[in-house]
Amino acid sequence: MHPFKTTIRSATAGLFLAAAAALAHAQAAVVLTYSSWLPPTHWLNTNGMLPWIAEVEKATQGRVKIEMLPKTVGTPPTQFDVVRDGLADLSLIVTGYTPGRFELAEMGELPFLGEDPTVMSPAFDRVYRKHFTAANEFKGVDVMSIFTIAPGHIFTAKKQIKTLDDLKGMKLRSASATGTRALNLVGAVPILKSSTEAFEMLSSGAIDGSLMLQETVKSTNSLGLLRYGLLIPGGLFNSSLAVVVNSGKWKTISPADQRAIMSVSGEALAAKIGRAYAAADQSSIDSMKEAKYVLERADPALTAGLRKTLSPIEDEWIAKARKKGVADPAAALADFRAAVQAR
């Protein structure tokens, strides 16, 4: 055969193989759909989820991609079911939006846990995986990361809270079972709603105020609806959130790529989210000061009164965790607190 023809055929074969390889690579890419109940421009997406999504694609060299859907599938409280049932592949869930469903995760909602989300968030992922994974309370999904965030406080529209008696009869929005229990214990009237519903209730005067993270005052556009903030040392409550992926979809990803994804998830993603919350809190604090908010930390007498009044919450959580099969929930809580205090 003529050498020139042989060269042409070899080059053609090489091009064909390269094209086939490229096609196979493209076909092998796994695309996960992300249902976000927050707007794409919300800081938790821009400073947390979207950078992580880019890291997932980079860590897998493009073999796994995550695409945000143009609209939320379902509602904020139904995101776990949306992912478990395969209506979307991935979402960020607030465990407290479905009280009693993720009782072990409620450890992250307890009062007086701490004030620094950059420490608390990754510590919670580590401690949760160590003590609670075997209970499998997220059956049907795989947990990419789970974290507690910045602590919550009490924000009101017409008066500052000075004493426990001031709270009696006040209608305050709550976002979790723990927050609701705390309000019941102090004699307030809890209204369990998501953060996206708080604005309407405050606008209409249906509630006197809200249990809120500091960042939420700004991110829910509530700056003009509130005026007073009572900041509780260690937080009156917190929230636990998780990034979850449909288990069936997760199994379609190769073990090597699963490991690559988890290298940028777990504690690493929790730490990223914690830093984002700390920055958002500070931004909101600055805005509240500009708006002439009255921000006061609870004095020692009020703090002591709250600690005493709310003490049943911890005991009740320990009892619930035991029923879930955790042998020593108090040890898990102590492990978390030690991790927070060590930093």
Protein backbone atom coordinates (compact mmCIF):
# COMPACT_ATOMS: atom_id res chain seq x y z
CA MET A 1 0.00 0.00 0.00
CA HIS A 2 1.20 3.49 -0.75
CA PRO A 3 2.76 5.09 2.37
CA PHE A 4 0.76 8.28 1.83
CA LYS A 5 -2.55 6.36 1.81
CA THR A 6 -1.49 4.50 4.95
CA THR A 7 -0.77 7.81 6.67
CA ILE A 8 -4.18 9.19 5.63
CA ARG A 9 -5.96 6.09 6.94
CA SER A 10 -4.04 6.20 10.22
CA ALA A 11 -4.82 9.87 10.70
CA THR A 12 -8.47 9.27 9.89
CA ALA A 13 -8.63 6.38 12.35
CA GLY A 14 -6.97 8.53 14.98
CA LEU A 15 -9.46 11.32 14.48
CA PHE A 16 -12.34 8.84 14.66
CA LEU A 17 -11.06 7.38 17.91
CA ALA A 18 -10.54 10.83 19.41
CA ALA A 19 -14.05 11.87 18.40
CA ALA A 20 -15.48 8.64 19.82
CA ALA A 21 -13.60 9.19 23.07
CA ALA A 22 -14.86 12.76 23.30
CA LEU A 23 -18.41 11.59 22.63
CA ALA A 24 -18.12 8.86 25.25
CA HIS A 25 -16.82 11.42 27.75
CA ALA A 26 -19.73 13.74 27.00
CA GLN A 27 -22.21 10.89 27.31
CA ALA A 28 -20.65 9.81 30.61
CA ALA A 29 -21.22 13.20 32.23
CA VAL A 30 -23.83 13.08 34.99
CA VAL A 31 -26.04 16.16 35.31
CA LEU A 32 -27.74 16.84 38.65
CA THR A 33 -30.67 19.24 38.81
CA TYR A 34 -30.67 21.66 41.74
CA SER A 35 -34.00 22.92 43.09
CA SER A 36 -33.33 26.16 44.95
CA TRP A 37 -36.10 27.74 47.02
CA LEU A 38 -33.91 30.83 47.30
CA PRO A 39 -33.44 33.24 44.37
CA PRO A 40 -30.28 32.64 42.30
CA THR A 41 -28.96 36.01 43.49
CA HIS A 42 -29.47 35.25 47.19
CA TRP A 43 -26.14 35.40 49.02
CA LEU A 44 -26.46 31.77 50.14
CA ASN A 45 -26.43 30.75 46.48
CA THR A 46 -23.83 33.24 45.25
CA ASN A 47 -21.44 32.78 48.20
CA GLY A 48 -22.20 29.19 49.10
CA MET A 49 -23.99 26.84 46.75
CA LEU A 50 -22.84 28.18 43.38
CA PRO A 51 -19.11 28.19 44.27
CA TRP A 52 -19.56 24.62 45.55
CA ILE A 53 -21.28 23.62 42.31
CA ALA A 54 -18.25 24.95 40.40
CA GLU A 55 -15.94 23.00 42.71
CA VAL A 56 -17.88 19.78 42.06
CA GLU A 57 -17.46 20.18 38.31
CA LYS A 58 -13.77 20.98 38.70
CA ALA A 59 -13.12 18.11 41.11
CA THR A 60 -14.71 15.63 38.67
CA GLN A 61 -13.07 17.23 35.61
CA GLY A 62 -16.51 17.98 34.19
CA ARG A 63 -17.87 14.45 34.57
CA VAL A 64 -20.46 15.68 37.08
CA LYS A 65 -22.35 18.92 36.54
CA ILE A 66 -25.05 20.57 38.63
CA GLU A 67 -27.63 22.76 36.94
CA MET A 68 -29.94 25.07 38.89
CA LEU A 69 -33.53 24.72 37.77
CA PRO A 70 -35.25 27.95 36.65
CA LYS A 71 -38.00 27.47 39.23
CA THR A 72 -38.26 25.84 42.63
CA VAL A 73 -39.79 22.39 42.58
CA GLY A 74 -42.27 22.25 45.43
CA THR A 75 -42.02 24.55 48.46
CA PRO A 76 -39.27 25.19 51.04
CA PRO A 77 -40.69 22.62 53.51
CA THR A 78 -41.07 19.91 50.82
CA GLN A 79 -37.52 19.96 49.43
CA PHE A 80 -36.54 16.68 51.10
CA ASP A 81 -39.48 14.88 49.45
CA VAL A 82 -38.73 16.57 46.13
CA VAL A 83 -35.21 15.14 46.17
CA ARG A 84 -36.08 11.75 47.64
CA ASP A 85 -38.82 11.24 45.02
CA GLY A 86 -36.56 12.32 42.15
CA LEU A 87 -38.50 15.44 41.15
CA ALA A 88 -35.12 17.20 41.42
CA ASP A 89 -31.77 15.62 42.13
CA LEU A 90 -30.40 18.00 44.73
CA SER A 91 -31.51 20.70 47.14
CA LEU A 92 -30.68 22.61 50.29
CA ILE A 93 -33.14 21.75 53.05
CA VAL A 94 -33.95 23.40 56.37
CA THR A 95 -34.64 20.47 58.68
CA GLY A 96 -36.71 22.60 61.06
CA TYR A 97 -39.31 23.33 58.38
CA THR A 98 -40.69 19.82 59.02
CA PRO A 99 -40.73 19.53 62.83
CA GLY A 100 -40.23 16.07 64.27
CA ARG A 101 -38.95 14.56 61.02
CA PHE A 102 -35.21 15.02 61.56
CA GLU A 103 -35.03 14.85 65.33
CA LEU A 104 -31.30 14.11 65.52
CA ALA A 105 -30.55 17.12 63.33
CA GLU A 106 -32.52 19.18 65.86
CA MET A 107 -29.39 19.10 68.02
CA GLY A 108 -28.23 21.97 65.84
CA GLU A 109 -31.29 24.03 66.80
CA LEU A 110 -30.73 23.98 70.57
CA PRO A 111 -30.36 27.25 72.51
CA PHE A 112 -27.01 28.65 73.61
CA LEU A 113 -24.82 26.56 71.27
CA GLY A 114 -22.52 29.37 70.23
CA GLU A 115 -22.20 32.44 68.03
CA ASP A 116 -19.55 31.71 65.38
CA PRO A 117 -20.89 29.84 62.33
CA THR A 118 -17.40 29.52 60.86
CA VAL A 119 -16.66 27.09 63.70
CA MET A 120 -20.09 25.65 64.39
CA SER A 121 -20.99 24.68 60.81
CA PRO A 122 -18.09 22.31 60.05
CA ALA A 123 -18.12 20.96 63.62
CA PHE A 124 -21.77 19.98 63.23
CA ASP A 125 -21.11 18.04 60.02
CA ARG A 126 -18.30 16.13 61.72
CA VAL A 127 -20.25 15.36 64.91
CA TYR A 128 -23.47 14.45 63.09
CA ARG A 129 -21.68 11.94 60.87
CA LYS A 130 -19.83 10.45 63.83
CA HIS A 131 -22.82 9.95 66.12
CA PHE A 132 -25.97 9.86 63.99
CA THR A 133 -25.25 8.41 60.54
CA ALA A 134 -26.30 4.90 61.62
CA ALA A 135 -29.81 6.16 62.47
CA ASN A 136 -30.36 6.91 58.76
CA GLU A 137 -32.94 9.64 59.30
CA PHE A 138 -32.27 10.94 55.77
CA LYS A 139 -33.25 7.66 54.11
CA GLY A 140 -33.70 8.06 50.37
CA VAL A 141 -31.09 10.76 49.97
CA ASP A 142 -27.35 11.09 50.48
CA VAL A 143 -26.19 13.95 52.66
CA MET A 144 -23.50 16.01 50.94
CA SER A 145 -23.15 18.29 53.97
CA ILE A 146 -25.09 19.09 57.12
CA PHE A 147 -24.52 22.12 59.28
CA THR A 148 -25.86 24.41 61.93
CA ILE A 149 -25.48 28.07 61.12
CA ALA A 150 -25.50 31.52 62.74
CA PRO A 151 -27.55 31.77 65.96
CA GLY A 152 -31.00 33.34 66.08
CA HIS A 153 -32.32 36.14 68.24
CA ILE A 154 -35.56 38.05 68.86
CA PHE A 155 -36.52 40.97 66.62
CA THR A 156 -39.63 43.05 67.30
CA ALA A 157 -41.46 45.93 65.67
CA LYS A 158 -42.83 48.10 68.48
CA LYS A 159 -40.96 47.43 71.72
CA GLN A 160 -37.67 46.14 73.01
CA ILE A 161 -37.66 43.02 75.17
CA LYS A 162 -36.14 43.76 78.57
CA THR A 163 -37.54 40.98 80.78
CA LEU A 164 -39.11 37.56 80.45
CA ASP A 165 -42.50 39.11 81.25
CA ASP A 166 -42.20 41.30 78.15
CA LEU A 167 -42.41 38.17 75.99
CA LYS A 168 -45.71 36.94 77.40
CA GLY A 169 -48.47 37.02 74.81
CA MET A 170 -46.30 38.33 71.98
CA LYS A 171 -46.98 36.82 68.56
CA LEU A 172 -43.60 35.85 67.16
CA ARG A 173 -42.73 33.91 64.05
CA SER A 174 -40.76 30.69 64.59
CA ALA A 175 -38.93 28.59 62.02
CA SER A 176 -38.49 25.29 63.87
CA ALA A 177 -39.80 22.96 66.54
CA THR A 178 -37.11 24.19 68.91
CA GLY A 179 -37.96 27.84 68.37
CA THR A 180 -41.64 27.06 68.83
CA ARG A 181 -40.95 25.21 72.07
CA ALA A 182 -38.82 28.10 73.34
CA LEU A 183 -41.59 30.60 72.67
CA ASN A 184 -44.15 28.40 74.39
CA LEU A 185 -41.92 28.10 77.44
CA VAL A 186 -41.57 31.87 77.80
CA GLY A 187 -45.29 32.44 77.31
CA ALA A 188 -45.18 33.91 73.80
CA VAL A 189 -47.42 32.83 70.90
CA PRO A 190 -45.39 31.04 68.22
CA ILE A 191 -46.35 31.18 64.54
CA LEU A 192 -44.42 28.51 62.61
CA LYS A 193 -43.57 29.85 59.15
CA SER A 194 -40.63 29.85 56.72
CA SER A 195 -38.41 32.91 56.39
CA THR A 196 -39.95 33.70 53.00
CA GLU A 197 -43.36 34.09 54.69
CA ALA A 198 -42.12 36.32 57.51
CA PHE A 199 -42.21 39.49 55.37
CA GLU A 200 -45.93 39.23 54.61
CA MET A 201 -46.82 38.58 58.24
CA LEU A 202 -44.73 41.50 59.45
CA SER A 203 -46.11 43.77 56.72
CA SER A 204 -49.70 43.06 57.71
CA GLY A 205 -49.02 43.37 61.43
CA ALA A 206 -50.17 39.79 61.97
CA ILE A 207 -47.17 39.22 64.23
CA ASP A 208 -45.28 41.39 66.71
CA GLY A 209 -41.89 40.21 65.59
CA SER A 210 -39.87 37.16 64.69
CA LEU A 211 -37.19 34.79 65.82
CA MET A 212 -34.58 35.52 63.18
CA LEU A 213 -30.96 35.17 62.32
CA GLN A 214 -29.41 38.60 62.02
CA GLU A 215 -28.87 38.14 58.29
CA THR A 216 -32.54 37.30 57.78
CA VAL A 217 -33.62 40.79 58.78
CA LYS A 218 -31.92 42.08 55.64
CA SER A 219 -32.32 39.13 53.27
CA THR A 220 -36.11 38.99 53.78
CA ASN A 221 -36.38 42.75 53.16
CA SER A 222 -37.66 43.25 56.71
CA LEU A 223 -35.39 46.17 57.62
CA GLY A 224 -38.28 48.64 57.42
CA LEU A 225 -40.66 46.39 59.34
CA LEU A 226 -38.70 45.87 62.55
CA ARG A 227 -36.83 48.15 64.92
CA TYR A 228 -35.61 46.27 67.97
CA GLY A 229 -33.22 43.36 68.34
CA LEU A 230 -32.58 41.37 71.52
CA LEU A 231 -29.35 39.46 71.03
CA ILE A 232 -29.05 36.37 73.23
CA PRO A 233 -25.52 35.24 74.22
CA GLY A 234 -25.02 31.91 72.44
CA GLY A 235 -28.29 32.35 70.55
CA LEU A 236 -31.88 31.67 71.55
CA PHE A 237 -32.08 29.02 68.83
CA ASN A 238 -30.33 27.93 65.68
CA SER A 239 -31.18 26.05 62.51
CA SER A 240 -29.74 22.98 60.88
CA LEU A 241 -29.55 22.72 57.11
CA ALA A 242 -28.41 19.97 54.78
CA VAL A 243 -27.44 19.65 51.14
CA VAL A 244 -28.97 16.39 49.95
CA VAL A 245 -28.90 14.42 46.70
CA ASN A 246 -31.23 11.68 45.49
CA SER A 247 -29.68 8.33 46.42
CA GLY A 248 -30.52 6.71 43.09
CA LYS A 249 -28.91 9.55 41.17
CA TRP A 250 -25.87 9.46 43.46
CA LYS A 251 -25.35 5.80 42.58
CA THR A 252 -25.00 6.71 38.88
CA ILE A 253 -21.82 8.61 39.74
CA SER A 254 -18.61 6.57 39.73
CA PRO A 255 -16.99 5.81 43.12
CA ALA A 256 -13.95 7.87 42.13
CA ASP A 257 -16.11 10.89 41.32
CA GLN A 258 -18.16 10.38 44.48
CA ARG A 259 -14.91 10.62 46.47
CA ALA A 260 -13.90 13.71 44.50
CA ILE A 261 -17.25 15.36 45.24
CA MET A 262 -17.07 14.54 48.94
CA SER A 263 -13.59 16.07 49.09
CA VAL A 264 -15.23 19.47 48.50
CA SER A 265 -18.41 18.67 50.44
CA GLY A 266 -18.93 17.54 54.05
CA GLU A 267 -16.97 19.75 56.43
CA ALA A 268 -15.45 21.73 53.54
CA LEU A 269 -18.86 22.82 52.26
CA ALA A 270 -20.11 23.40 55.82
CA ALA A 271 -17.15 25.69 56.46
CA LYS A 272 -17.89 27.59 53.25
CA ILE A 273 -21.51 28.05 54.30
CA GLY A 274 -20.43 29.11 57.80
CA ARG A 275 -18.19 31.83 56.38
CA ALA A 276 -21.01 32.99 54.12
CA TYR A 277 -23.37 33.26 57.09
CA ALA A 278 -20.83 35.19 59.15
CA ALA A 279 -20.37 37.69 56.32
CA ALA A 280 -24.13 37.99 55.77
CA ASP A 281 -24.72 38.54 59.49
CA GLN A 282 -22.18 41.37 59.54
CA SER A 283 -23.70 42.97 56.45
CA SER A 284 -27.13 42.89 58.07
CA ILE A 285 -25.79 44.28 61.36
CA ASP A 286 -24.28 47.22 59.45
CA SER A 287 -27.61 47.83 57.70
CA MET A 288 -29.55 47.66 60.98
CA LYS A 289 -27.21 50.19 62.56
CA GLU A 290 -27.70 52.52 59.59
CA ALA A 291 -31.46 52.11 60.01
CA LYS A 292 -31.13 53.16 63.67
CA TYR A 293 -32.14 49.80 65.09
CA VAL A 294 -31.99 49.35 68.84
CA LEU A 295 -29.72 46.32 69.19
CA GLU A 296 -29.07 45.17 72.75
CA ARG A 297 -27.52 42.05 74.21
CA ALA A 298 -29.58 40.42 76.93
CA ASP A 299 -28.27 41.42 80.35
CA PRO A 300 -27.06 38.74 82.81
CA ALA A 301 -30.40 38.59 84.64
CA LEU A 302 -32.43 38.06 81.48
CA THR A 303 -29.87 35.58 80.11
CA ALA A 304 -29.98 33.56 83.34
CA GLY A 305 -33.77 33.62 83.28
CA LEU A 306 -33.86 32.37 79.69
CA ARG A 307 -31.36 29.59 80.42
CA LYS A 308 -33.46 28.38 83.35
CA THR A 309 -36.77 28.65 81.52
CA LEU A 310 -35.51 26.93 78.38
CA SER A 311 -33.58 24.14 80.14
CA PRO A 312 -36.26 21.49 79.38
CA ILE A 313 -35.52 21.79 75.64
CA GLU A 314 -32.16 20.05 75.92
CA ASP A 315 -33.54 17.24 78.09
CA GLU A 316 -36.43 16.73 75.67
CA TRP A 317 -34.05 16.49 72.71
CA ILE A 318 -31.91 13.91 74.52
CA ALA A 319 -35.03 11.81 75.19
CA LYS A 320 -36.08 12.00 71.52
CA ALA A 321 -32.61 11.04 70.33
CA ARG A 322 -32.61 7.99 72.61
CA LYS A 323 -35.89 6.89 71.05
CA LYS A 324 -34.16 7.15 67.66
CA GLY A 325 -31.63 4.58 68.88
CA VAL A 326 -28.75 6.83 69.90
CA ALA A 327 -27.20 5.30 73.02
CA ASP A 328 -25.74 8.48 74.48
CA PRO A 329 -27.12 11.67 72.91
CA ALA A 330 -25.68 13.78 75.75
CA ALA A 331 -22.20 12.64 74.72
CA ALA A 332 -22.85 13.72 71.13
CA LEU A 333 -23.99 17.14 72.33
CA ALA A 334 -20.97 17.43 74.60
CA ASP A 335 -18.74 16.45 71.67
CA PHE A 336 -20.24 19.25 69.59
CA ARG A 337 -19.91 21.85 72.33
CA ALA A 338 -16.29 20.84 72.93
CA ALA A 339 -15.56 21.24 69.22
CA VAL A 340 -17.12 24.71 69.25
CA GLN A 341 -15.25 25.82 72.37
CA ALA A 342 -11.93 24.42 71.14
CA ARG A 343 -11.71 27.06 68.40
